[in-house]
Amino acid sequence: MSRVKVRRTHREELPGIVLLRDAMGDDGSGASQRRPVLDLDMEVDPTLDHLMTHDPNGFFSAVLHDETLGHAVAHVRSRQWILSEIGVLPQHRGQGIGTALLGKALAYGERAGVKSWLALVPRSPALEALLLKHDLRPLTPLYLLRVEPGRAARLGRALSALHPGQDVTAELLSRRGQADLDRIDTFSRGVVREGDHVFWLKRAGLNASFVRQGNRIAAYGYGGTAQVGPVAGTTREAALAALGQSMLAALEQDPDASLVLRVPATFEEAMVALLENGARLEDTWMIHTRGESHSFDRYIPGIPVLP
């Protein structure tokens, strides 16, 4: 039998990753098993395109002949390695392909001199076992919660009233306020990520808010169509207020849409507030870490691909 090769993914192959996602099924069970066919005319996922621009060496494909069987994507911010995606087509699992992909992605981080490692992944025994074998340990569950627009609006107003906040989208687009973003990111996540903030503002079209606690900017939050977060704060209360601002910003762009949030269990105040206001728990992921890490007790990721 021919040997599967793991190699760098080229930019023109990015549309194929979307097809691989479809073939694996939304829940990772592989409900759809059609063979992925690369279509160069497909619109590229903007988040993957952003990561390819900044971290091209973190993209890997597992290939047998001309067929892509799996992929892995990792990126580095400051000295933190983050696993964005990893997956293998269901009919090819159990053959060591996931191990080979993760090994390549980890080697990319080692070459970059990272000090900490992070993965936000669906709950899957095989995937969790793979991460455990590479010393990535569970930190906390990540709850996927859905809240209907009316309830979201009421909760958003209540949370945003905790501390004064203001829309700063125009200010950040003019590159003022970056020092506050860097300070909050360093405190809550141990990273600096100016390029990601530019992406959320310009390419993703999200609105951004700052929250004050006393005389200091203590939290930020993003919200827009189909996305609440990221939200980060130097205190939990400020992060809650920023969460409220983010929910209202998302509803402003799409008033009739239910909101989907991914809340770490360690941010208990946010989780409880959402559940007490009618949010439905739809899925549970897991955050795995290795090395120096933060507790995610005042942080909510926007999407796991770019947490």
C-alpha atoms as a PDB file:
ATOM      1  CA  MET A   1       0.000   0.000   0.000  1.00  0.00           C
ATOM      2  CA  SER A   2       1.282   3.459  -0.849  1.00  0.00           C
ATOM      3  CA  ARG A   3       2.400   5.644   2.008  1.00  0.00           C
ATOM      4  CA  VAL A   4       0.439   8.729   3.008  1.00  0.00           C
ATOM      5  CA  LYS A   5       2.540  11.893   2.794  1.00  0.00           C
ATOM      6  CA  VAL A   6       2.125  14.908   5.062  1.00  0.00           C
ATOM      7  CA  ARG A   7       3.209  18.102   3.347  1.00  0.00           C
ATOM      8  CA  ARG A   8       2.664  21.840   3.445  1.00  0.00           C
ATOM      9  CA  THR A   9      -0.719  23.032   2.188  1.00  0.00           C
ATOM     10  CA  HIS A  10      -0.515  25.576  -0.628  1.00  0.00           C
ATOM     11  CA  ARG A  11      -2.715  28.666  -0.709  1.00  0.00           C
ATOM     12  CA  GLU A  12      -4.553  27.524  -3.833  1.00  0.00           C
ATOM     13  CA  GLU A  13      -5.651  24.398  -1.942  1.00  0.00           C
ATOM     14  CA  LEU A  14      -7.531  26.316   0.764  1.00  0.00           C
ATOM     15  CA  PRO A  15     -10.957  25.747  -0.856  1.00  0.00           C
ATOM     16  CA  GLY A  16     -10.343  22.019  -0.422  1.00  0.00           C
ATOM     17  CA  ILE A  17     -10.245  22.404   3.358  1.00  0.00           C
ATOM     18  CA  VAL A  18     -13.868  23.573   3.266  1.00  0.00           C
ATOM     19  CA  LEU A  19     -14.793  20.445   1.333  1.00  0.00           C
ATOM     20  CA  LEU A  20     -12.928  18.307   3.851  1.00  0.00           C
ATOM     21  CA  ARG A  21     -14.952  19.868   6.649  1.00  0.00           C
ATOM     22  CA  ASP A  22     -18.164  18.951   4.821  1.00  0.00           C
ATOM     23  CA  ALA A  23     -16.977  15.414   4.237  1.00  0.00           C
ATOM     24  CA  MET A  24     -16.186  14.963   7.934  1.00  0.00           C
ATOM     25  CA  GLY A  25     -19.659  16.052   9.023  1.00  0.00           C
ATOM     26  CA  ASP A  26     -20.474  19.018  11.249  1.00  0.00           C
ATOM     27  CA  ASP A  27     -20.251  16.910  14.394  1.00  0.00           C
ATOM     28  CA  GLY A  28     -17.029  15.173  13.445  1.00  0.00           C
ATOM     29  CA  SER A  29     -18.844  11.873  12.946  1.00  0.00           C
ATOM     30  CA  GLY A  30     -18.273  11.808   9.211  1.00  0.00           C
ATOM     31  CA  ALA A  31     -21.968  11.844   8.345  1.00  0.00           C
ATOM     32  CA  SER A  32     -21.065  12.877   4.816  1.00  0.00           C
ATOM     33  CA  GLN A  33     -18.416  10.743   3.152  1.00  0.00           C
ATOM     34  CA  ARG A  34     -18.226  12.168  -0.325  1.00  0.00           C
ATOM     35  CA  ARG A  35     -14.746  12.405  -1.801  1.00  0.00           C
ATOM     36  CA  PRO A  36     -13.511  16.004  -1.630  1.00  0.00           C
ATOM     37  CA  VAL A  37     -12.843  17.586  -5.011  1.00  0.00           C
ATOM     38  CA  LEU A  38     -10.786  20.765  -5.139  1.00  0.00           C
ATOM     39  CA  ASP A  39     -12.638  23.658  -6.733  1.00  0.00           C
ATOM     40  CA  LEU A  40     -10.367  26.645  -7.282  1.00  0.00           C
ATOM     41  CA  ASP A  41     -13.374  28.903  -7.918  1.00  0.00           C
ATOM     42  CA  MET A  42     -14.748  28.380  -4.415  1.00  0.00           C
ATOM     43  CA  GLU A  43     -14.659  31.361  -2.073  1.00  0.00           C
ATOM     44  CA  VAL A  44     -11.836  30.898   0.421  1.00  0.00           C
ATOM     45  CA  ASP A  45     -12.760  30.896   4.102  1.00  0.00           C
ATOM     46  CA  PRO A  46     -11.628  34.407   5.178  1.00  0.00           C
ATOM     47  CA  THR A  47     -10.285  33.204   8.533  1.00  0.00           C
ATOM     48  CA  LEU A  48      -8.167  30.501   6.900  1.00  0.00           C
ATOM     49  CA  ASP A  49      -6.994  33.020   4.315  1.00  0.00           C
ATOM     50  CA  HIS A  50      -5.941  35.347   7.159  1.00  0.00           C
ATOM     51  CA  LEU A  51      -4.044  32.548   8.906  1.00  0.00           C
ATOM     52  CA  MET A  52      -2.386  31.492   5.655  1.00  0.00           C
ATOM     53  CA  THR A  53      -1.195  35.081   5.156  1.00  0.00           C
ATOM     54  CA  HIS A  54       0.346  35.314   8.629  1.00  0.00           C
ATOM     55  CA  ASP A  55       1.233  31.656   9.330  1.00  0.00           C
ATOM     56  CA  PRO A  56       1.746  29.831   6.016  1.00  0.00           C
ATOM     57  CA  ASN A  57       4.109  27.309   7.613  1.00  0.00           C
ATOM     58  CA  GLY A  58       1.356  26.039   9.927  1.00  0.00           C
ATOM     59  CA  PHE A  59      -0.802  24.436   7.205  1.00  0.00           C
ATOM     60  CA  PHE A  60      -0.427  20.703   6.491  1.00  0.00           C
ATOM     61  CA  SER A  61      -2.212  18.174   4.287  1.00  0.00           C
ATOM     62  CA  ALA A  62      -2.144  14.384   4.396  1.00  0.00           C
ATOM     63  CA  VAL A  63      -2.132  13.183   0.785  1.00  0.00           C
ATOM     64  CA  LEU A  64      -2.328   9.762  -0.856  1.00  0.00           C
ATOM     65  CA  HIS A  65      -1.772   9.991  -4.617  1.00  0.00           C
ATOM     66  CA  ASP A  66      -3.938  13.002  -5.549  1.00  0.00           C
ATOM     67  CA  GLU A  67      -6.473  12.632  -2.729  1.00  0.00           C
ATOM     68  CA  THR A  68      -6.342  14.745   0.443  1.00  0.00           C
ATOM     69  CA  LEU A  69      -7.230  12.570   3.427  1.00  0.00           C
ATOM     70  CA  GLY A  70      -6.830  15.075   6.243  1.00  0.00           C
ATOM     71  CA  HIS A  71      -5.444  18.439   7.254  1.00  0.00           C
ATOM     72  CA  ALA A  72      -4.084  20.372  10.212  1.00  0.00           C
ATOM     73  CA  VAL A  73      -3.760  24.106  10.755  1.00  0.00           C
ATOM     74  CA  ALA A  74      -1.806  25.784  13.540  1.00  0.00           C
ATOM     75  CA  HIS A  75      -0.803  29.374  14.167  1.00  0.00           C
ATOM     76  CA  VAL A  76       1.512  31.200  16.542  1.00  0.00           C
ATOM     77  CA  ARG A  77       0.779  34.411  18.434  1.00  0.00           C
ATOM     78  CA  SER A  78       3.600  35.860  20.534  1.00  0.00           C
ATOM     79  CA  ARG A  79       5.077  32.599  21.872  1.00  0.00           C
ATOM     80  CA  GLN A  80       1.816  30.630  22.021  1.00  0.00           C
ATOM     81  CA  TRP A  81       1.041  27.828  19.555  1.00  0.00           C
ATOM     82  CA  ILE A  82      -2.665  27.383  18.780  1.00  0.00           C
ATOM     83  CA  LEU A  83      -4.175  24.394  16.990  1.00  0.00           C
ATOM     84  CA  SER A  84      -6.796  25.869  14.657  1.00  0.00           C
ATOM     85  CA  GLU A  85      -8.079  22.712  12.991  1.00  0.00           C
ATOM     86  CA  ILE A  86      -7.232  19.035  12.616  1.00  0.00           C
ATOM     87  CA  GLY A  87      -9.248  16.333  10.907  1.00  0.00           C
ATOM     88  CA  VAL A  88      -9.063  13.100   8.930  1.00  0.00           C
ATOM     89  CA  LEU A  89     -11.733  11.678   6.637  1.00  0.00           C
ATOM     90  CA  PRO A  90     -13.684   9.018   8.578  1.00  0.00           C
ATOM     91  CA  GLN A  91     -12.861   6.164   6.205  1.00  0.00           C
ATOM     92  CA  HIS A  92      -9.127   6.800   6.739  1.00  0.00           C
ATOM     93  CA  ARG A  93      -9.048   7.119  10.521  1.00  0.00           C
ATOM     94  CA  GLY A  94      -7.087   4.691  12.670  1.00  0.00           C
ATOM     95  CA  GLN A  95      -4.138   4.665  10.277  1.00  0.00           C
ATOM     96  CA  GLY A  96      -1.874   7.133  12.101  1.00  0.00           C
ATOM     97  CA  ILE A  97      -2.705  10.060   9.823  1.00  0.00           C
ATOM     98  CA  GLY A  98      -3.865  12.294  12.691  1.00  0.00           C
ATOM     99  CA  THR A  99      -0.664  11.539  14.596  1.00  0.00           C
ATOM    100  CA  ALA A 100       1.448  12.501  11.585  1.00  0.00           C
ATOM    101  CA  LEU A 101      -0.500  15.736  11.038  1.00  0.00           C
ATOM    102  CA  LEU A 102      -0.302  16.788  14.677  1.00  0.00           C
ATOM    103  CA  GLY A 103       3.407  15.956  14.748  1.00  0.00           C
ATOM    104  CA  LYS A 104       4.034  18.304  11.828  1.00  0.00           C
ATOM    105  CA  ALA A 105       1.953  21.057  13.428  1.00  0.00           C
ATOM    106  CA  LEU A 106       3.780  20.710  16.748  1.00  0.00           C
ATOM    107  CA  ALA A 107       7.141  20.776  14.994  1.00  0.00           C
ATOM    108  CA  TYR A 108       6.136  24.077  13.430  1.00  0.00           C
ATOM    109  CA  GLY A 109       5.559  25.472  16.931  1.00  0.00           C
ATOM    110  CA  GLU A 110       8.867  24.126  18.201  1.00  0.00           C
ATOM    111  CA  ARG A 111      10.711  25.804  15.332  1.00  0.00           C
ATOM    112  CA  ALA A 112       8.951  29.050  16.230  1.00  0.00           C
ATOM    113  CA  GLY A 113      10.237  28.809  19.817  1.00  0.00           C
ATOM    114  CA  VAL A 114       6.830  28.771  21.499  1.00  0.00           C
ATOM    115  CA  LYS A 115       6.463  28.457  25.274  1.00  0.00           C
ATOM    116  CA  SER A 116       2.819  27.392  25.555  1.00  0.00           C
ATOM    117  CA  TRP A 117       0.416  25.268  23.535  1.00  0.00           C
ATOM    118  CA  LEU A 118      -3.338  25.522  23.123  1.00  0.00           C
ATOM    119  CA  ALA A 119      -6.054  23.511  21.367  1.00  0.00           C
ATOM    120  CA  LEU A 120      -9.827  24.136  21.294  1.00  0.00           C
ATOM    121  CA  VAL A 121     -11.352  20.947  19.912  1.00  0.00           C
ATOM    122  CA  PRO A 122     -14.662  19.035  19.730  1.00  0.00           C
ATOM    123  CA  ARG A 123     -15.217  16.303  22.305  1.00  0.00           C
ATOM    124  CA  SER A 124     -13.947  13.194  20.537  1.00  0.00           C
ATOM    125  CA  PRO A 125     -12.301  10.241  22.329  1.00  0.00           C
ATOM    126  CA  ALA A 126      -9.879   9.652  19.478  1.00  0.00           C
ATOM    127  CA  LEU A 127      -8.903  13.320  19.196  1.00  0.00           C
ATOM    128  CA  GLU A 128      -8.563  13.750  22.953  1.00  0.00           C
ATOM    129  CA  ALA A 129      -6.381  10.631  23.124  1.00  0.00           C
ATOM    130  CA  LEU A 130      -4.195  12.031  20.362  1.00  0.00           C
ATOM    131  CA  LEU A 131      -3.722  15.302  22.238  1.00  0.00           C
ATOM    132  CA  LEU A 132      -3.043  13.518  25.526  1.00  0.00           C
ATOM    133  CA  LYS A 133      -0.315  11.438  23.883  1.00  0.00           C
ATOM    134  CA  HIS A 134       1.387  14.707  22.955  1.00  0.00           C
ATOM    135  CA  ASP A 135       1.145  16.101  26.507  1.00  0.00           C
ATOM    136  CA  LEU A 136      -1.747  18.477  25.780  1.00  0.00           C
ATOM    137  CA  ARG A 137      -3.865  18.233  28.936  1.00  0.00           C
ATOM    138  CA  PRO A 138      -7.535  19.211  29.409  1.00  0.00           C
ATOM    139  CA  LEU A 139      -7.919  22.639  30.993  1.00  0.00           C
ATOM    140  CA  THR A 140     -11.660  23.308  30.909  1.00  0.00           C
ATOM    141  CA  PRO A 141     -14.787  22.503  28.887  1.00  0.00           C
ATOM    142  CA  LEU A 142     -15.856  25.039  26.279  1.00  0.00           C
ATOM    143  CA  TYR A 143     -19.655  25.284  26.140  1.00  0.00           C
ATOM    144  CA  LEU A 144     -21.466  26.186  22.926  1.00  0.00           C
ATOM    145  CA  LEU A 145     -24.586  28.121  23.983  1.00  0.00           C
ATOM    146  CA  ARG A 146     -27.396  29.497  21.821  1.00  0.00           C
ATOM    147  CA  VAL A 147     -29.676  32.314  22.973  1.00  0.00           C
ATOM    148  CA  GLU A 148     -32.666  33.670  21.090  1.00  0.00           C
ATOM    149  CA  PRO A 149     -32.587  37.356  19.990  1.00  0.00           C
ATOM    150  CA  GLY A 150     -35.151  38.724  22.454  1.00  0.00           C
ATOM    151  CA  ARG A 151     -33.485  37.131  25.462  1.00  0.00           C
ATOM    152  CA  ALA A 152     -30.062  38.076  24.092  1.00  0.00           C
ATOM    153  CA  ALA A 153     -31.067  41.731  23.830  1.00  0.00           C
ATOM    154  CA  ARG A 154     -32.310  41.830  27.426  1.00  0.00           C
ATOM    155  CA  LEU A 155     -29.222  40.092  28.755  1.00  0.00           C
ATOM    156  CA  GLY A 156     -26.912  42.229  26.614  1.00  0.00           C
ATOM    157  CA  ARG A 157     -28.427  45.417  28.040  1.00  0.00           C
ATOM    158  CA  ALA A 158     -28.184  44.108  31.609  1.00  0.00           C
ATOM    159  CA  LEU A 159     -24.539  43.053  31.287  1.00  0.00           C
ATOM    160  CA  SER A 160     -23.449  46.205  29.463  1.00  0.00           C
ATOM    161  CA  ALA A 161     -24.890  48.273  32.329  1.00  0.00           C
ATOM    162  CA  LEU A 162     -22.304  46.810  34.730  1.00  0.00           C
ATOM    163  CA  HIS A 163     -19.651  49.258  33.520  1.00  0.00           C
ATOM    164  CA  PRO A 164     -19.664  52.065  30.942  1.00  0.00           C
ATOM    165  CA  GLY A 165     -18.724  51.005  27.445  1.00  0.00           C
ATOM    166  CA  GLN A 166     -18.471  52.620  24.054  1.00  0.00           C
ATOM    167  CA  ASP A 167     -18.115  51.610  20.435  1.00  0.00           C
ATOM    168  CA  VAL A 168     -14.500  52.168  19.383  1.00  0.00           C
ATOM    169  CA  THR A 169     -14.580  50.624  15.910  1.00  0.00           C
ATOM    170  CA  ALA A 170     -13.594  53.864  14.142  1.00  0.00           C
ATOM    171  CA  GLU A 171     -10.874  54.584  16.706  1.00  0.00           C
ATOM    172  CA  LEU A 172      -9.294  51.168  16.307  1.00  0.00           C
ATOM    173  CA  LEU A 173      -9.508  51.345  12.532  1.00  0.00           C
ATOM    174  CA  SER A 174      -7.426  54.504  12.741  1.00  0.00           C
ATOM    175  CA  ARG A 175      -4.915  52.492  14.852  1.00  0.00           C
ATOM    176  CA  ARG A 176      -5.541  54.331  18.114  1.00  0.00           C
ATOM    177  CA  GLY A 177      -6.233  52.145  21.110  1.00  0.00           C
ATOM    178  CA  GLN A 178      -3.889  49.313  20.126  1.00  0.00           C
ATOM    179  CA  ALA A 179      -1.930  49.698  23.384  1.00  0.00           C
ATOM    180  CA  ASP A 180      -5.103  48.955  25.373  1.00  0.00           C
ATOM    181  CA  LEU A 181      -5.830  45.887  23.244  1.00  0.00           C
ATOM    182  CA  ASP A 182      -2.274  44.622  23.719  1.00  0.00           C
ATOM    183  CA  ARG A 183      -2.430  45.115  27.484  1.00  0.00           C
ATOM    184  CA  ILE A 184      -5.763  43.275  27.827  1.00  0.00           C
ATOM    185  CA  ASP A 185      -4.632  40.443  25.523  1.00  0.00           C
ATOM    186  CA  THR A 186      -1.405  39.998  27.470  1.00  0.00           C
ATOM    187  CA  PHE A 187      -3.253  39.914  30.786  1.00  0.00           C
ATOM    188  CA  SER A 188      -6.048  37.545  29.711  1.00  0.00           C
ATOM    189  CA  ARG A 189      -4.284  35.313  27.179  1.00  0.00           C
ATOM    190  CA  GLY A 190      -0.557  36.006  27.309  1.00  0.00           C
ATOM    191  CA  VAL A 191      -0.458  37.038  23.641  1.00  0.00           C
ATOM    192  CA  VAL A 192      -0.233  40.140  21.476  1.00  0.00           C
ATOM    193  CA  ARG A 193      -2.195  39.923  18.227  1.00  0.00           C
ATOM    194  CA  GLU A 194      -2.437  43.206  16.349  1.00  0.00           C
ATOM    195  CA  GLY A 195      -2.932  41.490  12.996  1.00  0.00           C
ATOM    196  CA  ASP A 196      -5.922  39.541  14.289  1.00  0.00           C
ATOM    197  CA  HIS A 197      -7.610  42.704  15.541  1.00  0.00           C
ATOM    198  CA  VAL A 198      -7.165  44.270  12.115  1.00  0.00           C
ATOM    199  CA  PHE A 199      -8.756  41.162  10.595  1.00  0.00           C
ATOM    200  CA  TRP A 200     -11.791  41.257  12.913  1.00  0.00           C
ATOM    201  CA  LEU A 201     -12.348  44.928  12.225  1.00  0.00           C
ATOM    202  CA  LYS A 202     -11.675  45.132   8.494  1.00  0.00           C
ATOM    203  CA  ARG A 203     -12.195  41.707   6.904  1.00  0.00           C
ATOM    204  CA  ALA A 204     -14.755  40.232   9.302  1.00  0.00           C
ATOM    205  CA  GLY A 205     -16.556  43.560   9.701  1.00  0.00           C
ATOM    206  CA  LEU A 206     -17.164  43.184  13.437  1.00  0.00           C
ATOM    207  CA  ASN A 207     -17.883  46.098  15.743  1.00  0.00           C
ATOM    208  CA  ALA A 208     -15.576  46.651  18.720  1.00  0.00           C
ATOM    209  CA  SER A 209     -16.269  48.121  22.168  1.00  0.00           C
ATOM    210  CA  PHE A 210     -14.120  49.142  25.113  1.00  0.00           C
ATOM    211  CA  VAL A 211     -15.340  48.908  28.715  1.00  0.00           C
ATOM    212  CA  ARG A 212     -14.016  51.116  31.503  1.00  0.00           C
ATOM    213  CA  GLN A 213     -13.649  50.030  35.096  1.00  0.00           C
ATOM    214  CA  GLY A 214     -12.744  53.086  37.133  1.00  0.00           C
ATOM    215  CA  ASN A 215     -10.348  55.229  35.162  1.00  0.00           C
ATOM    216  CA  ARG A 216      -8.884  52.392  33.087  1.00  0.00           C
ATOM    217  CA  ILE A 217      -9.877  50.495  29.942  1.00  0.00           C
ATOM    218  CA  ALA A 218     -10.474  47.040  31.410  1.00  0.00           C
ATOM    219  CA  ALA A 219     -12.071  44.953  28.633  1.00  0.00           C
ATOM    220  CA  TYR A 220     -12.876  44.765  24.943  1.00  0.00           C
ATOM    221  CA  GLY A 221     -15.486  42.867  22.987  1.00  0.00           C
ATOM    222  CA  TYR A 222     -16.320  42.182  19.330  1.00  0.00           C
ATOM    223  CA  GLY A 223     -19.716  41.433  17.849  1.00  0.00           C
ATOM    224  CA  GLY A 224     -21.223  41.150  14.402  1.00  0.00           C
ATOM    225  CA  THR A 225     -23.241  38.947  12.093  1.00  0.00           C
ATOM    226  CA  ALA A 226     -22.872  35.307  13.188  1.00  0.00           C
ATOM    227  CA  GLN A 227     -20.163  36.063  15.753  1.00  0.00           C
ATOM    228  CA  VAL A 228     -20.018  37.139  19.384  1.00  0.00           C
ATOM    229  CA  GLY A 229     -16.451  37.587  20.593  1.00  0.00           C
ATOM    230  CA  PRO A 230     -13.660  37.536  21.178  1.00  0.00           C
ATOM    231  CA  VAL A 231     -14.243  39.127  24.559  1.00  0.00           C
ATOM    232  CA  ALA A 232     -11.373  39.748  26.974  1.00  0.00           C
ATOM    233  CA  GLY A 233     -10.981  41.609  30.247  1.00  0.00           C
ATOM    234  CA  THR A 234      -8.576  42.293  33.061  1.00  0.00           C
ATOM    235  CA  THR A 235     -11.425  41.536  35.507  1.00  0.00           C
ATOM    236  CA  ARG A 236     -14.388  39.182  35.183  1.00  0.00           C
ATOM    237  CA  GLU A 237     -16.897  41.976  35.769  1.00  0.00           C
ATOM    238  CA  ALA A 238     -15.398  44.105  33.013  1.00  0.00           C
ATOM    239  CA  ALA A 239     -15.396  41.089  30.693  1.00  0.00           C
ATOM    240  CA  LEU A 240     -19.091  40.523  31.482  1.00  0.00           C
ATOM    241  CA  ALA A 241     -19.853  44.129  30.549  1.00  0.00           C
ATOM    242  CA  ALA A 242     -17.883  43.687  27.298  1.00  0.00           C
ATOM    243  CA  LEU A 243     -19.855  40.501  26.603  1.00  0.00           C
ATOM    244  CA  GLY A 244     -23.047  42.526  26.859  1.00  0.00           C
ATOM    245  CA  GLN A 245     -21.665  45.092  24.413  1.00  0.00           C
ATOM    246  CA  SER A 246     -20.676  42.298  22.013  1.00  0.00           C
ATOM    247  CA  MET A 247     -24.134  40.713  22.126  1.00  0.00           C
ATOM    248  CA  LEU A 248     -25.782  44.050  21.375  1.00  0.00           C
ATOM    249  CA  ALA A 249     -23.322  44.676  18.516  1.00  0.00           C
ATOM    250  CA  ALA A 250     -24.147  41.283  16.992  1.00  0.00           C
ATOM    251  CA  LEU A 251     -27.880  41.993  17.235  1.00  0.00           C
ATOM    252  CA  GLU A 252     -27.384  45.430  15.684  1.00  0.00           C
ATOM    253  CA  GLN A 253     -25.980  43.782  12.553  1.00  0.00           C
ATOM    254  CA  ASP A 254     -28.611  40.999  12.493  1.00  0.00           C
ATOM    255  CA  PRO A 255     -31.547  41.669  14.865  1.00  0.00           C
ATOM    256  CA  ASP A 256     -33.417  38.446  14.081  1.00  0.00           C
ATOM    257  CA  ALA A 257     -30.561  35.975  14.506  1.00  0.00           C
ATOM    258  CA  SER A 258     -30.069  33.806  17.567  1.00  0.00           C
ATOM    259  CA  LEU A 259     -26.617  34.257  19.070  1.00  0.00           C
ATOM    260  CA  VAL A 260     -24.095  31.457  19.430  1.00  0.00           C
ATOM    261  CA  LEU A 261     -21.426  31.860  22.108  1.00  0.00           C
ATOM    262  CA  ARG A 262     -18.536  29.650  23.150  1.00  0.00           C
ATOM    263  CA  VAL A 263     -17.969  30.084  26.866  1.00  0.00           C
ATOM    264  CA  PRO A 264     -15.185  28.421  28.891  1.00  0.00           C
ATOM    265  CA  ALA A 265     -16.493  26.735  32.047  1.00  0.00           C
ATOM    266  CA  THR A 266     -13.881  28.688  34.027  1.00  0.00           C
ATOM    267  CA  PHE A 267     -15.729  31.916  33.127  1.00  0.00           C
ATOM    268  CA  GLU A 268     -18.515  30.766  35.408  1.00  0.00           C
ATOM    269  CA  GLU A 269     -20.247  34.150  35.748  1.00  0.00           C
ATOM    270  CA  ALA A 270     -20.824  34.372  31.986  1.00  0.00           C
ATOM    271  CA  MET A 271     -21.981  30.772  31.716  1.00  0.00           C
ATOM    272  CA  VAL A 272     -24.460  31.139  34.597  1.00  0.00           C
ATOM    273  CA  ALA A 273     -25.801  34.464  33.304  1.00  0.00           C
ATOM    274  CA  LEU A 274     -26.499  32.948  29.889  1.00  0.00           C
ATOM    275  CA  LEU A 275     -28.114  29.772  31.208  1.00  0.00           C
ATOM    276  CA  GLU A 276     -30.285  31.696  33.667  1.00  0.00           C
ATOM    277  CA  ASN A 277     -31.525  33.828  30.777  1.00  0.00           C
ATOM    278  CA  GLY A 278     -32.655  30.956  28.607  1.00  0.00           C
ATOM    279  CA  ALA A 279     -29.526  30.005  26.653  1.00  0.00           C
ATOM    280  CA  ARG A 280     -29.496  26.414  25.369  1.00  0.00           C
ATOM    281  CA  LEU A 281     -26.432  24.217  25.676  1.00  0.00           C
ATOM    282  CA  GLU A 282     -25.885  22.722  22.222  1.00  0.00           C
ATOM    283  CA  ASP A 283     -22.391  21.237  22.344  1.00  0.00           C
ATOM    284  CA  THR A 284     -19.331  20.852  24.530  1.00  0.00           C
ATOM    285  CA  TRP A 285     -15.769  21.223  23.313  1.00  0.00           C
ATOM    286  CA  MET A 286     -12.574  21.016  25.367  1.00  0.00           C
ATOM    287  CA  ILE A 287      -9.637  23.364  25.825  1.00  0.00           C
ATOM    288  CA  HIS A 288      -6.289  21.550  26.041  1.00  0.00           C
ATOM    289  CA  THR A 289      -3.025  23.222  27.056  1.00  0.00           C
ATOM    290  CA  ARG A 290       0.644  22.528  27.648  1.00  0.00           C
ATOM    291  CA  GLY A 291       3.227  24.780  29.274  1.00  0.00           C
ATOM    292  CA  GLU A 292       2.381  28.223  30.569  1.00  0.00           C
ATOM    293  CA  SER A 293      -1.311  28.915  30.127  1.00  0.00           C
ATOM    294  CA  HIS A 294      -4.052  31.216  31.321  1.00  0.00           C
ATOM    295  CA  SER A 295      -7.238  30.044  32.984  1.00  0.00           C
ATOM    296  CA  PHE A 296      -9.747  31.483  30.454  1.00  0.00           C
ATOM    297  CA  ASP A 297     -11.780  32.853  33.361  1.00  0.00           C
ATOM    298  CA  ARG A 298     -12.291  36.273  31.734  1.00  0.00           C
ATOM    299  CA  TYR A 299     -12.129  35.416  28.047  1.00  0.00           C
ATOM    300  CA  ILE A 300     -14.617  34.222  25.413  1.00  0.00           C
ATOM    301  CA  PRO A 301     -13.304  33.175  21.984  1.00  0.00           C
ATOM    302  CA  GLY A 302     -15.079  34.297  18.845  1.00  0.00           C
ATOM    303  CA  ILE A 303     -14.538  31.148  16.809  1.00  0.00           C
ATOM    304  CA  PRO A 304     -12.199  28.257  17.723  1.00  0.00           C
ATOM    305  CA  VAL A 305     -10.231  28.568  14.488  1.00  0.00           C
ATOM    306  CA  LEU A 306      -8.958  31.955  15.670  1.00  0.00           C
ATOM    307  CA  PRO A 307      -9.676  32.020  19.429  1.00  0.00           C
END
